[in-house]
């Protein structure tokens, strides 16, 4: 790199390049060792067979790369630029370079593209994380302890057998006493001691030192000028079952600030990993059908052929947006996202004051509310965990029946739908709430209650109420004084059939995925005292709490 740091870089050349005929190159910049979550195991050497040079590089401070690891740091931009240009100068490269990869390897694509290396022709980012206060590590301002412990641990180890902290499954976390103790220990700032080392321990502590959207986070975020710089072709991939919102944030930013560039958005019935590796004909409680299965590697090859070789027509459809609607189980082509045909439906929360659990009287209705408030208690020392659903992961991840039967969960039910309803986009909840403590969390699940009795998660959202006016500042609650909380929710692409019910679940915690709120209003990193919160949901003519749903006619 320009500062003399050497990065662990592996190159695979096609036969033509070995024989002296330069080839286009595809670069993946990743923090993952091949022995843990490398891309070679996902079939990227297929690109070599198709006539591409493939370059996989470990970012600073990971694998055998020199330098210090720093999460999404500005040097990812210069390192990406330098690597693209180094590849282009090699005798085996034609001078045309594309980038590929998902998650962090999608973030490194964007960092390089922002720096505008002259030989970078196109990118194919899948599920990048862009807004660190609407996704990890501060989802809605709520610190994700389990992710911020386990993700750096994944970078630190050289074998997956050493990952004992439950990176993706609650059962592992709850069934290991040492892991559970670490997830519940206080203060938070000491929780990584003895588990993480070096730069990875520093990452955990740095994240806790920056609980607001400050300059440290801004230099790790893409703004309007950076979006405008990404004016090259892009294949952007998202999944119905992925909690990351960064992909759609990327798409909107590119559409607004670099509208002339050629790009396509693909949203399929996939979780985070499947957005790169591909999915199957079923997922958890969803039977999707064979038509849902796409050869994502083949689609990326077609994209690269068009933009790196100048051959072929690219993706086998002409629409700029292609998305899969579960329930209906079909692909839909659109010329824009959000779809121009979207209509917002407003559903108001109401009850007789007893919306606790699915046995209560909470309602979702189209008319204005008039009922008394609902109340629930959140105790951070004893957070509710749906044990059976956790034991049945990953399918149990969708199952909200235990949660909705808990008295600490408010449940608002639409009643049987008279006709099918297709929801495509990110719902928004606008809730009038209060609490008897200086700070509290709102955790929301939007669900489909099926005729067979299952309650299946469709979307998720949460907000730490100290950030109700934005993540740049913290404002304590005045005890029992109502405030407006606007809670964006994750993407849905689903058709609810007639006779099913729409349900909104409201709670105060989502352990072990989110760290329980101590409720004292002070710095969470140093908090040692837990307070019980008594939270109130208002829904009357003066306080019309509501859910805004993006629907297709």
Protein backbone atom coordinates (compact mmCIF):
# COMPACT_ATOMS: atom_id res chain seq x y z
CA UNK A 1 0.00 0.00 0.00
CA UNK A 2 1.07 3.63 -0.37
CA UNK A 3 2.31 3.69 3.25
CA UNK A 4 4.42 0.56 2.82
CA UNK A 5 2.03 -1.88 4.52
CA UNK A 6 1.91 -5.26 2.77
CA UNK A 7 -1.40 -7.10 2.52
CA UNK A 8 -1.92 -10.86 2.25
CA UNK A 9 -3.01 -11.22 -1.39
CA UNK A 10 -3.71 -14.41 -3.36
CA UNK A 11 -4.06 -14.47 -7.15
CA UNK A 12 -5.52 -17.19 -9.38
CA UNK A 13 -4.93 -16.82 -13.13
CA UNK A 14 -6.90 -18.35 -15.99
CA UNK A 15 -5.08 -20.39 -18.61
CA UNK A 16 -5.11 -17.52 -21.10
CA UNK A 17 -3.30 -15.20 -18.67
CA UNK A 18 -0.66 -17.85 -17.95
CA UNK A 19 -0.16 -18.17 -21.71
CA UNK A 20 0.44 -14.44 -22.05
CA UNK A 21 -3.01 -13.12 -22.99
CA UNK A 22 -4.14 -10.61 -20.32
CA UNK A 23 -7.48 -11.21 -18.61
CA UNK A 24 -9.94 -9.02 -16.70
CA UNK A 25 -9.73 -9.37 -12.91
CA UNK A 26 -12.22 -9.71 -10.05
CA UNK A 27 -11.08 -8.51 -6.63
CA UNK A 28 -12.47 -9.51 -3.23
CA UNK A 29 -11.16 -7.64 -0.15
CA UNK A 30 -12.21 -9.44 3.04
CA UNK A 31 -11.31 -9.72 6.74
CA UNK A 32 -12.09 -13.46 6.80
CA UNK A 33 -9.42 -16.13 6.67
CA UNK A 34 -10.14 -18.87 4.16
CA UNK A 35 -10.22 -21.39 7.03
CA UNK A 36 -13.15 -19.62 8.69
CA UNK A 37 -15.38 -17.76 6.22
CA UNK A 38 -13.30 -17.37 3.08
CA UNK A 39 -14.79 -16.77 -0.35
CA UNK A 40 -12.86 -19.53 -2.13
CA UNK A 41 -15.17 -22.08 -0.49
CA UNK A 42 -18.15 -20.24 -2.04
CA UNK A 43 -17.02 -21.06 -5.55
CA UNK A 44 -15.35 -17.84 -6.68
CA UNK A 45 -12.73 -19.89 -8.55
CA UNK A 46 -15.55 -20.48 -11.02
CA UNK A 47 -14.56 -17.05 -12.27
CA UNK A 48 -11.11 -18.39 -13.16
CA UNK A 49 -12.66 -21.13 -15.28
CA UNK A 50 -14.65 -18.39 -17.05
CA UNK A 51 -11.50 -16.50 -17.99
CA UNK A 52 -11.00 -14.09 -15.09
CA UNK A 53 -8.07 -13.51 -12.79
CA UNK A 54 -9.32 -13.71 -9.20
CA UNK A 55 -7.61 -11.76 -6.43
CA UNK A 56 -8.54 -12.32 -2.78
CA UNK A 57 -6.96 -9.95 -0.29
CA UNK A 58 -7.09 -9.88 3.51
CA UNK A 59 -7.60 -6.35 4.87
CA UNK A 60 -5.15 -4.78 7.31
CA UNK A 61 -4.53 -6.62 10.54
CA UNK A 62 -6.30 -9.84 9.47
CA UNK A 63 -4.80 -13.12 8.34
CA UNK A 64 -1.16 -12.53 7.41
CA UNK A 65 -1.71 -8.91 6.37
CA UNK A 66 0.40 -6.26 8.04
CA UNK A 67 -0.97 -3.13 9.69
CA UNK A 68 -3.66 -2.56 12.27
CA UNK A 69 -7.25 -3.69 11.86
CA UNK A 70 -9.74 -0.86 12.20
CA UNK A 71 -13.42 -1.33 11.40
CA UNK A 72 -14.50 0.35 8.13
CA UNK A 73 -11.66 2.85 8.61
CA UNK A 74 -10.73 5.47 5.98
CA UNK A 75 -7.68 3.45 4.94
CA UNK A 76 -10.05 0.93 3.32
CA UNK A 77 -10.58 3.55 0.62
CA UNK A 78 -6.91 4.11 -0.15
CA UNK A 79 -6.10 0.40 0.20
CA UNK A 80 -8.90 -0.46 -2.22
CA UNK A 81 -7.68 2.16 -4.70
CA UNK A 82 -4.07 0.99 -4.48
CA UNK A 83 -5.00 -2.67 -4.89
CA UNK A 84 -7.22 -2.08 -7.94
CA UNK A 85 -4.49 -0.05 -9.61
CA UNK A 86 -1.79 -2.61 -8.69
CA UNK A 87 -3.85 -5.36 -10.31
CA UNK A 88 -4.41 -3.28 -13.44
CA UNK A 89 -0.64 -2.82 -13.84
CA UNK A 90 0.13 -6.55 -13.80
CA UNK A 91 1.11 -8.15 -17.09
CA UNK A 92 -1.65 -10.75 -16.68
CA UNK A 93 -4.42 -8.15 -16.33
CA UNK A 94 -6.25 -6.54 -19.23
CA UNK A 95 -6.72 -3.36 -17.19
CA UNK A 96 -10.39 -4.04 -16.45
CA UNK A 97 -11.06 -4.74 -12.76
CA UNK A 98 -14.35 -5.51 -11.00
CA UNK A 99 -15.06 -6.15 -7.33
CA UNK A 100 -17.21 -8.79 -5.70
CA UNK A 101 -18.27 -10.00 -2.24
CA UNK A 102 -20.87 -9.71 0.49
CA UNK A 103 -21.20 -8.16 3.95
CA UNK A 104 -17.82 -6.65 4.93
CA UNK A 105 -16.49 -7.55 1.47
CA UNK A 106 -19.34 -5.47 0.06
CA UNK A 107 -18.34 -2.58 2.31
CA UNK A 108 -14.76 -2.72 0.98
CA UNK A 109 -16.13 -2.51 -2.57
CA UNK A 110 -17.94 0.71 -1.72
CA UNK A 111 -14.85 2.11 0.02
CA UNK A 112 -12.76 1.48 -3.09
CA UNK A 113 -15.43 2.83 -5.43
CA UNK A 114 -15.65 6.06 -3.43
CA UNK A 115 -11.90 6.55 -4.05
CA UNK A 116 -12.57 6.18 -7.82
CA UNK A 117 -9.62 4.10 -9.02
CA UNK A 118 -9.47 4.61 -12.81
CA UNK A 119 -9.45 0.89 -13.64
CA UNK A 120 -12.43 -0.12 -11.46
CA UNK A 121 -15.17 -0.87 -13.97
CA UNK A 122 -17.99 -2.31 -11.84
CA UNK A 123 -18.96 -3.65 -8.40
CA UNK A 124 -21.35 -6.35 -7.11
CA UNK A 125 -22.03 -5.58 -3.43
CA UNK A 126 -24.38 -7.90 -1.50
CA UNK A 127 -25.82 -6.91 1.92
CA UNK A 128 -23.33 -4.25 3.02
CA UNK A 129 -23.71 -2.63 6.45
CA UNK A 130 -23.86 1.15 6.01
CA UNK A 131 -25.90 2.71 8.81
CA UNK A 132 -24.30 1.54 12.06
CA UNK A 133 -27.13 3.00 14.14
CA UNK A 134 -29.88 1.20 12.26
CA UNK A 135 -27.99 -2.07 12.09
CA UNK A 136 -25.03 -3.56 13.96
CA UNK A 137 -23.39 -2.60 16.21
CA UNK A 138 -26.02 -0.05 17.43
CA UNK A 139 -29.29 -1.27 15.95
CA UNK A 140 -31.69 1.57 16.75
CA UNK A 141 -29.12 2.88 19.24
CA UNK A 142 -29.22 -0.44 21.14
CA UNK A 143 -25.79 -2.02 21.53
CA UNK A 144 -25.44 -5.53 20.10
CA UNK A 145 -23.08 -7.09 22.62
CA UNK A 146 -23.21 -10.61 21.17
CA UNK A 147 -22.28 -9.39 17.67
CA UNK A 148 -19.58 -6.99 18.82
CA UNK A 149 -17.99 -9.81 20.84
CA UNK A 150 -18.35 -12.61 18.33
CA UNK A 151 -17.68 -10.89 15.03
CA UNK A 152 -14.16 -9.72 16.03
CA UNK A 153 -13.61 -13.17 17.54
CA UNK A 154 -14.36 -14.63 14.11
CA UNK A 155 -11.57 -12.48 12.66
CA UNK A 156 -9.18 -13.42 15.44
CA UNK A 157 -9.43 -17.22 15.19
CA UNK A 158 -8.14 -19.53 12.43
CA UNK A 159 -10.67 -22.36 12.87
CA UNK A 160 -14.45 -22.22 13.31
CA UNK A 161 -14.25 -24.78 16.12
CA UNK A 162 -12.81 -21.94 18.23
CA UNK A 163 -15.95 -19.84 17.78
CA UNK A 164 -17.82 -20.84 20.93
CA UNK A 165 -19.79 -17.67 21.61
CA UNK A 166 -22.89 -18.32 19.55
CA UNK A 167 -22.31 -16.04 16.58
CA UNK A 168 -25.52 -16.95 14.80
CA UNK A 169 -27.61 -19.07 17.15
CA UNK A 170 -29.22 -18.27 20.49
CA UNK A 171 -29.11 -21.92 21.54
CA UNK A 172 -25.30 -21.87 21.69
CA UNK A 173 -25.34 -18.71 23.76
CA UNK A 174 -28.02 -19.84 26.19
CA UNK A 175 -26.64 -23.35 26.58
CA UNK A 176 -23.12 -22.29 27.57
CA UNK A 177 -22.87 -20.88 31.09
CA UNK A 178 -19.63 -19.01 30.43
CA UNK A 179 -21.02 -17.41 27.28
CA UNK A 180 -24.25 -16.44 29.04
CA UNK A 181 -22.33 -14.93 31.95
CA UNK A 182 -20.30 -12.83 29.50
CA UNK A 183 -23.46 -11.60 27.79
CA UNK A 184 -25.04 -10.55 31.10
CA UNK A 185 -21.95 -9.24 32.90
CA UNK A 186 -21.52 -5.61 33.91
CA UNK A 187 -19.96 -3.26 33.15
CA UNK A 188 -20.17 -3.71 29.40
CA UNK A 189 -16.72 -2.23 28.83
CA UNK A 190 -15.10 -5.24 30.52
CA UNK A 191 -17.11 -7.98 28.77
CA UNK A 192 -14.51 -8.66 26.05
CA UNK A 193 -11.58 -9.07 28.45
CA UNK A 194 -10.05 -12.52 28.09
CA UNK A 195 -11.97 -13.19 24.86
CA UNK A 196 -10.64 -10.64 22.40
CA UNK A 197 -7.06 -9.50 21.90
CA UNK A 198 -5.11 -6.72 20.24
CA UNK A 199 -6.90 -4.77 17.52
CA UNK A 200 -10.07 -6.81 18.00
CA UNK A 201 -10.30 -5.92 21.69
CA UNK A 202 -9.60 -2.31 20.71
CA UNK A 203 -12.51 -2.49 18.22
CA UNK A 204 -14.93 -3.61 20.93
CA UNK A 205 -13.83 -0.80 23.24
CA UNK A 206 -13.84 1.84 20.49
CA UNK A 207 -17.42 1.01 19.55
CA UNK A 208 -18.48 1.46 23.20
CA UNK A 209 -16.58 4.75 23.39
CA UNK A 210 -18.73 6.13 20.56
CA UNK A 211 -22.40 5.50 21.46
CA UNK A 212 -23.58 8.49 19.38
CA UNK A 213 -23.27 9.31 15.69
CA UNK A 214 -20.10 11.39 15.94
CA UNK A 215 -17.13 12.12 13.67
CA UNK A 216 -15.64 8.67 14.38
CA UNK A 217 -18.72 7.06 12.83
CA UNK A 218 -19.13 9.66 10.07
CA UNK A 219 -15.73 8.81 8.61
CA UNK A 220 -16.95 5.19 8.45
CA UNK A 221 -20.20 6.14 6.70
CA UNK A 222 -21.02 6.98 3.09
CA UNK A 223 -22.53 10.44 2.58
CA UNK A 224 -24.01 12.25 -0.45
CA UNK A 225 -20.64 13.16 -2.00
CA UNK A 226 -19.41 9.58 -1.66
CA UNK A 227 -22.57 8.18 -3.24
CA UNK A 228 -22.09 10.58 -6.15
CA UNK A 229 -18.58 9.19 -6.66
CA UNK A 230 -19.91 5.65 -7.20
CA UNK A 231 -20.89 6.26 -10.81
CA UNK A 232 -19.93 2.85 -12.20
CA UNK A 233 -22.21 -0.13 -12.96
CA UNK A 234 -23.37 -1.99 -9.85
CA UNK A 235 -25.29 -5.17 -9.10
CA UNK A 236 -26.81 -4.62 -5.65
CA UNK A 237 -28.19 -7.68 -3.82
CA UNK A 238 -30.48 -7.85 -0.79
CA UNK A 239 -32.53 -10.55 0.95
CA UNK A 240 -36.07 -10.78 2.34
CA UNK A 241 -34.75 -12.47 5.49
CA UNK A 242 -31.71 -10.28 6.16
CA UNK A 243 -31.92 -7.72 8.96
CA UNK A 244 -29.34 -5.39 7.36
CA UNK A 245 -30.83 -2.18 6.00
CA UNK A 246 -27.59 -1.03 4.37
CA UNK A 247 -28.42 -2.48 0.95
CA UNK A 248 -31.52 -0.36 0.48
CA UNK A 249 -29.77 2.66 1.95
CA UNK A 250 -27.06 2.12 -0.69
CA UNK A 251 -29.61 1.82 -3.48
CA UNK A 252 -31.45 4.98 -2.46
CA UNK A 253 -28.19 6.91 -2.08
CA UNK A 254 -26.95 5.84 -5.50
CA UNK A 255 -30.28 6.57 -7.17
CA UNK A 256 -30.40 10.06 -5.66
CA UNK A 257 -26.79 11.12 -6.09
CA UNK A 258 -25.51 9.11 -9.10
CA UNK A 259 -28.69 8.56 -11.12
CA UNK A 260 -27.03 8.13 -14.52
CA UNK A 261 -25.00 5.04 -13.68
CA UNK A 262 -26.11 1.62 -14.90
CA UNK A 263 -27.21 -0.51 -11.95
CA UNK A 264 -29.65 -3.22 -10.96
CA UNK A 265 -31.19 -4.26 -7.63
CA UNK A 266 -31.97 -7.90 -6.86
CA UNK A 267 -33.94 -8.83 -3.71
CA UNK A 268 -34.47 -12.55 -3.19
CA UNK A 269 -35.82 -14.92 -0.51
CA UNK A 270 -32.46 -15.18 1.24
CA UNK A 271 -30.79 -14.55 4.57
CA UNK A 272 -27.47 -12.73 4.99
CA UNK A 273 -25.20 -15.52 3.76
CA UNK A 274 -27.56 -16.69 1.04
CA UNK A 275 -27.50 -13.26 -0.60
CA UNK A 276 -24.10 -14.34 -1.94
CA UNK A 277 -24.17 -18.14 -1.84
CA UNK A 278 -27.77 -18.59 -3.02
CA UNK A 279 -30.84 -20.06 -1.36
CA UNK A 280 -33.12 -23.08 -1.60
CA UNK A 281 -36.74 -23.90 -2.41
CA UNK A 282 -37.70 -23.50 1.25
CA UNK A 283 -36.54 -21.30 4.11
CA UNK A 284 -37.71 -21.77 7.69
CA UNK A 285 -41.53 -21.71 7.62
CA UNK A 286 -41.60 -20.62 3.96
CA UNK A 287 -42.15 -22.97 1.03
CA UNK A 288 -40.81 -20.91 -1.85
CA UNK A 289 -40.81 -23.21 -4.86
CA UNK A 290 -38.10 -24.05 -7.37
CA UNK A 291 -38.58 -20.77 -9.23
CA UNK A 292 -37.17 -18.93 -6.20
CA UNK A 293 -33.75 -20.57 -6.63
CA UNK A 294 -31.27 -18.53 -8.68
CA UNK A 295 -27.70 -19.29 -9.66
CA UNK A 296 -26.26 -16.14 -8.12
CA UNK A 297 -22.73 -17.03 -9.18
CA UNK A 298 -23.92 -17.37 -12.76
CA UNK A 299 -25.74 -14.05 -12.57
CA UNK A 300 -22.62 -12.32 -11.27
CA UNK A 301 -20.63 -13.88 -14.12
CA UNK A 302 -23.11 -12.49 -16.65
CA UNK A 303 -22.81 -9.07 -15.00
CA UNK A 304 -18.99 -9.17 -15.07
CA UNK A 305 -18.95 -10.45 -18.66
CA UNK A 306 -20.92 -7.41 -19.77
CA UNK A 307 -18.87 -4.83 -17.90
CA UNK A 308 -15.36 -6.35 -17.84
CA UNK A 309 -15.28 -8.25 -21.15
CA UNK A 310 -17.86 -6.27 -23.12
CA UNK A 311 -19.65 -9.49 -24.03
CA UNK A 312 -23.20 -10.71 -23.47
CA UNK A 313 -26.27 -8.82 -22.34
CA UNK A 314 -25.69 -8.99 -18.59
CA UNK A 315 -28.51 -10.19 -16.35
CA UNK A 316 -31.26 -12.16 -18.12
CA UNK A 317 -33.90 -9.50 -17.45
CA UNK A 318 -34.07 -5.87 -18.42
CA UNK A 319 -35.88 -4.43 -15.39
CA UNK A 320 -33.72 -2.33 -13.09
CA UNK A 321 -35.29 -3.97 -10.02
CA UNK A 322 -36.26 -7.60 -9.54
CA UNK A 323 -37.69 -8.83 -6.25
CA UNK A 324 -39.28 -11.98 -4.88
CA UNK A 325 -42.62 -11.74 -3.07
CA UNK A 326 -43.09 -14.54 -0.54
CA UNK A 327 -46.63 -15.80 0.01
CA UNK A 328 -47.29 -15.16 -3.65
CA UNK A 329 -43.98 -16.95 -4.37
CA UNK A 330 -43.16 -15.13 -7.58
CA UNK A 331 -40.59 -12.71 -8.96
CA UNK A 332 -41.67 -9.21 -9.89
CA UNK A 333 -39.86 -6.79 -12.18
CA UNK A 334 -39.96 -3.05 -11.51
CA UNK A 335 -38.39 0.04 -13.02
CA UNK A 336 -37.68 1.66 -9.64
CA UNK A 337 -37.38 1.02 -5.93
CA UNK A 338 -39.31 1.95 -3.93
CA UNK A 339 -41.94 0.90 -6.50
CA UNK A 340 -43.81 3.82 -8.03
CA UNK A 341 -47.06 1.94 -7.43
CA UNK A 342 -46.62 1.85 -3.63
CA UNK A 343 -49.45 3.06 -1.44
CA UNK A 344 -49.12 3.66 2.30
CA UNK A 345 -51.75 2.05 4.51
CA UNK A 346 -52.18 3.48 8.01
CA UNK A 347 -53.09 1.11 10.84
CA UNK A 348 -53.76 2.53 14.30
CA UNK A 349 -53.04 0.78 17.59
CA UNK A 350 -55.97 0.52 19.98
CA UNK A 351 -57.19 -1.59 22.91
CA UNK A 352 -59.29 -1.58 26.05
CA UNK A 353 -56.09 -1.15 28.07
CA UNK A 354 -55.25 -4.88 28.19
CA UNK A 355 -53.12 -5.55 25.09
CA UNK A 356 -50.67 -7.72 27.04
CA UNK A 357 -50.00 -10.96 25.09
CA UNK A 358 -51.99 -12.50 22.25
CA UNK A 359 -54.75 -13.22 24.78
CA UNK A 360 -55.26 -9.49 25.33
CA UNK A 361 -57.49 -7.00 23.56
CA UNK A 362 -54.96 -5.13 21.39
CA UNK A 363 -56.17 -4.16 17.92
CA UNK A 364 -54.74 -2.87 14.67
CA UNK A 365 -57.47 -0.85 12.97
CA UNK A 366 -57.89 1.60 10.10
CA UNK A 367 -59.94 4.08 12.14
CA UNK A 368 -58.63 6.48 14.78
CA UNK A 369 -58.07 4.98 18.26
CA UNK A 370 -59.95 5.89 21.43
CA UNK A 371 -58.84 3.38 24.07
CA UNK A 372 -56.92 3.74 27.34
CA UNK A 373 -53.15 3.15 27.38
CA UNK A 374 -51.43 -0.21 27.63
CA UNK A 375 -48.56 -0.92 30.01
CA UNK A 376 -45.80 -3.48 30.30
CA UNK A 377 -42.74 -4.06 32.46
CA UNK A 378 -39.17 -4.63 31.27
CA UNK A 379 -36.63 -6.00 33.75
CA UNK A 380 -33.07 -5.97 32.31
CA UNK A 381 -31.88 -8.38 34.99
CA UNK A 382 -34.33 -11.06 33.79
CA UNK A 383 -34.85 -10.49 30.04
CA UNK A 384 -37.42 -12.70 28.35
CA UNK A 385 -35.99 -15.28 25.92
CA UNK A 386 -38.26 -17.60 23.85
CA UNK A 387 -36.55 -20.86 24.80
CA UNK A 388 -38.32 -23.27 22.45
CA UNK A 389 -37.92 -21.02 19.41
CA UNK A 390 -34.23 -20.60 20.29
CA UNK A 391 -33.79 -24.37 20.51
CA UNK A 392 -35.33 -24.75 17.06
CA UNK A 393 -33.13 -22.22 15.25
CA UNK A 394 -32.70 -21.36 12.49
CA UNK A 395 -36.35 -22.07 11.64
CA UNK A 396 -37.37 -21.00 15.16
CA UNK A 397 -35.99 -17.54 14.45
CA UNK A 398 -39.27 -16.75 12.66
CA UNK A 399 -41.56 -18.22 15.33
CA UNK A 400 -43.05 -15.53 17.58
CA UNK A 401 -45.64 -17.63 19.40
CA UNK A 402 -43.75 -17.81 22.71
CA UNK A 403 -43.01 -14.11 22.62
CA UNK A 404 -46.57 -13.08 21.88
CA UNK A 405 -47.85 -15.24 24.75
CA UNK A 406 -45.63 -13.41 27.26
CA UNK A 407 -47.35 -10.82 29.47
CA UNK A 408 -44.48 -8.40 28.88
CA UNK A 409 -45.31 -8.20 25.16
CA UNK A 410 -48.08 -5.97 23.82
CA UNK A 411 -49.87 -7.52 20.84
CA UNK A 412 -52.02 -5.61 18.36
CA UNK A 413 -54.04 -7.74 15.91
CA UNK A 414 -55.78 -6.69 12.70
CA UNK A 415 -58.38 -9.43 12.74
CA UNK A 416 -58.82 -11.62 9.61
CA UNK A 417 -57.89 -9.75 6.44
CA UNK A 418 -60.79 -9.48 4.01
CA UNK A 419 -58.48 -9.68 0.98
CA UNK A 420 -54.81 -10.38 0.26
CA UNK A 421 -52.36 -7.62 1.20
CA UNK A 422 -48.93 -7.26 -0.45
CA UNK A 423 -46.33 -5.41 1.61
CA UNK A 424 -43.13 -4.34 -0.18
CA UNK A 425 -40.74 -2.01 1.59
CA UNK A 426 -39.81 -0.86 5.07
CA UNK A 427 -42.72 -0.21 7.48
CA UNK A 428 -42.58 2.67 9.93
CA UNK A 429 -44.10 2.73 13.41
CA UNK A 430 -44.94 6.13 14.95
CA UNK A 431 -45.68 5.47 18.60
CA UNK A 432 -46.61 7.71 21.53
CA UNK A 433 -44.93 6.17 24.55
CA UNK A 434 -43.79 6.95 28.09
CA UNK A 435 -41.71 5.29 30.82
CA UNK A 436 -41.01 5.85 34.51
CA UNK A 437 -37.21 5.75 33.95
CA UNK A 438 -34.72 8.07 32.18
CA UNK A 439 -34.27 5.68 29.26
CA UNK A 440 -36.02 2.62 27.78
CA UNK A 441 -36.09 0.54 24.61
CA UNK A 442 -38.90 -0.21 22.19
CA UNK A 443 -38.57 -3.48 20.30
CA UNK A 444 -41.08 -4.26 17.54
CA UNK A 445 -41.92 -7.30 15.46
CA UNK A 446 -44.39 -7.21 12.59
CA UNK A 447 -45.85 -10.64 11.97
CA UNK A 448 -48.31 -12.71 9.98
CA UNK A 449 -50.64 -14.82 12.13
CA UNK A 450 -51.55 -17.76 9.95
CA UNK A 451 -54.67 -19.87 9.90
CA UNK A 452 -52.70 -22.82 11.31
CA UNK A 453 -51.89 -20.82 14.46
CA UNK A 454 -48.31 -19.89 13.61
CA UNK A 455 -47.17 -16.30 14.12
CA UNK A 456 -44.32 -15.68 11.67
CA UNK A 457 -42.00 -12.69 11.80
CA UNK A 458 -42.08 -10.39 8.80
CA UNK A 459 -40.08 -7.39 9.99
CA UNK A 460 -38.18 -6.08 13.00
CA UNK A 461 -37.29 -2.69 14.46
CA UNK A 462 -36.03 -1.21 17.71
CA UNK A 463 -35.15 2.16 19.22
CA UNK A 464 -33.43 3.27 22.39
CA UNK A 465 -35.59 6.20 23.41
CA UNK A 466 -32.71 8.49 24.39
CA UNK A 467 -32.10 8.69 20.59
CA UNK A 468 -35.69 9.54 19.60
CA UNK A 469 -34.53 12.90 18.16
CA UNK A 470 -31.59 11.43 16.26
CA UNK A 471 -28.46 9.44 16.98
CA UNK A 472 -26.26 12.53 17.22
CA UNK A 473 -27.68 13.41 20.64
CA UNK A 474 -29.10 11.79 23.76
CA UNK A 475 -32.20 13.12 25.53
CA UNK A 476 -33.35 11.59 28.78
CA UNK A 477 -37.01 10.79 29.25
CA UNK A 478 -39.05 12.79 31.73
CA UNK A 479 -40.78 10.14 33.86
CA UNK A 480 -44.23 9.29 32.48
CA UNK A 481 -44.18 12.14 29.97
CA UNK A 482 -45.26 10.96 26.47
CA UNK A 483 -42.78 11.21 23.60
CA UNK A 484 -43.05 10.36 19.91
CA UNK A 485 -40.88 7.40 18.86
CA UNK A 486 -40.43 6.81 15.13
CA UNK A 487 -39.20 3.24 14.62
CA UNK A 488 -38.24 2.16 11.08
CA UNK A 489 -38.56 -1.56 10.45
CA UNK A 490 -36.70 -3.97 8.21
CA UNK A 491 -37.66 -4.82 4.63
CA UNK A 492 -40.69 -6.95 3.79
CA UNK A 493 -41.60 -8.45 0.42
CA UNK A 494 -44.61 -10.61 1.28
CA UNK A 495 -48.25 -11.20 0.40
CA UNK A 496 -50.56 -11.99 3.32
CA UNK A 497 -53.52 -14.09 2.16
CA UNK A 498 -57.13 -13.28 2.94
CA UNK A 499 -58.07 -14.67 6.34
CA UNK A 500 -54.62 -14.24 7.86
CA UNK A 501 -53.95 -11.56 10.47
CA UNK A 502 -51.37 -8.82 10.72
CA UNK A 503 -49.85 -8.49 14.19
CA UNK A 504 -47.58 -5.92 15.79
CA UNK A 505 -45.68 -7.07 18.88
CA UNK A 506 -44.09 -4.52 21.22
CA UNK A 507 -41.59 -5.29 23.98
CA UNK A 508 -38.73 -3.68 25.86
CA UNK A 509 -35.89 -6.09 25.06
CA UNK A 510 -34.54 -8.58 22.53
CA UNK A 511 -31.91 -10.54 24.45
CA UNK A 512 -29.50 -12.12 23.54
CA UNK A 513 -29.35 -10.25 20.23
CA UNK A 514 -29.51 -6.82 21.87
CA UNK A 515 -28.03 -5.77 25.18
CA UNK A 516 -30.72 -5.03 27.81
CA UNK A 517 -31.18 -1.36 28.66
CA UNK A 518 -30.03 -0.58 32.25
CA UNK A 519 -32.74 2.16 32.25
CA UNK A 520 -30.63 4.59 34.29
CA UNK A 521 -29.96 6.98 31.39
CA UNK A 522 -26.19 7.05 31.94
CA UNK A 523 -23.35 5.74 29.75
CA UNK A 524 -24.19 2.11 28.98
CA UNK A 525 -20.54 1.05 28.86
CA UNK A 526 -20.03 1.77 32.56
CA UNK A 527 -23.49 0.95 33.92
CA UNK A 528 -23.61 -1.62 36.73
CA UNK A 529 -27.05 -0.96 38.26
CA UNK A 530 -30.18 -2.25 36.53
CA UNK A 531 -33.59 -0.62 36.97
CA UNK A 532 -36.99 -2.08 36.16
CA UNK A 533 -38.90 0.01 33.59
CA UNK A 534 -42.67 0.45 33.52
CA UNK A 535 -43.51 1.46 29.99
CA UNK A 536 -46.73 2.88 28.56
CA UNK A 537 -48.19 2.79 25.05
CA UNK A 538 -50.74 5.54 24.38
CA UNK A 539 -53.38 5.31 21.65
CA UNK A 540 -56.25 7.76 21.81
CA UNK A 541 -57.42 10.69 19.72
CA UNK A 542 -54.70 12.94 21.17
CA UNK A 543 -51.98 10.25 20.98
CA UNK A 544 -52.67 8.24 17.79
CA UNK A 545 -49.94 5.60 17.71
CA UNK A 546 -49.85 4.08 14.23
CA UNK A 547 -48.15 1.74 11.79
CA UNK A 548 -47.43 2.88 8.23
CA UNK A 549 -47.31 -0.01 5.76
CA UNK A 550 -45.93 0.25 2.18
CA UNK A 551 -48.32 -1.83 0.06
CA UNK A 552 -48.78 -2.69 -3.59
CA UNK A 553 -52.28 -2.58 -5.07
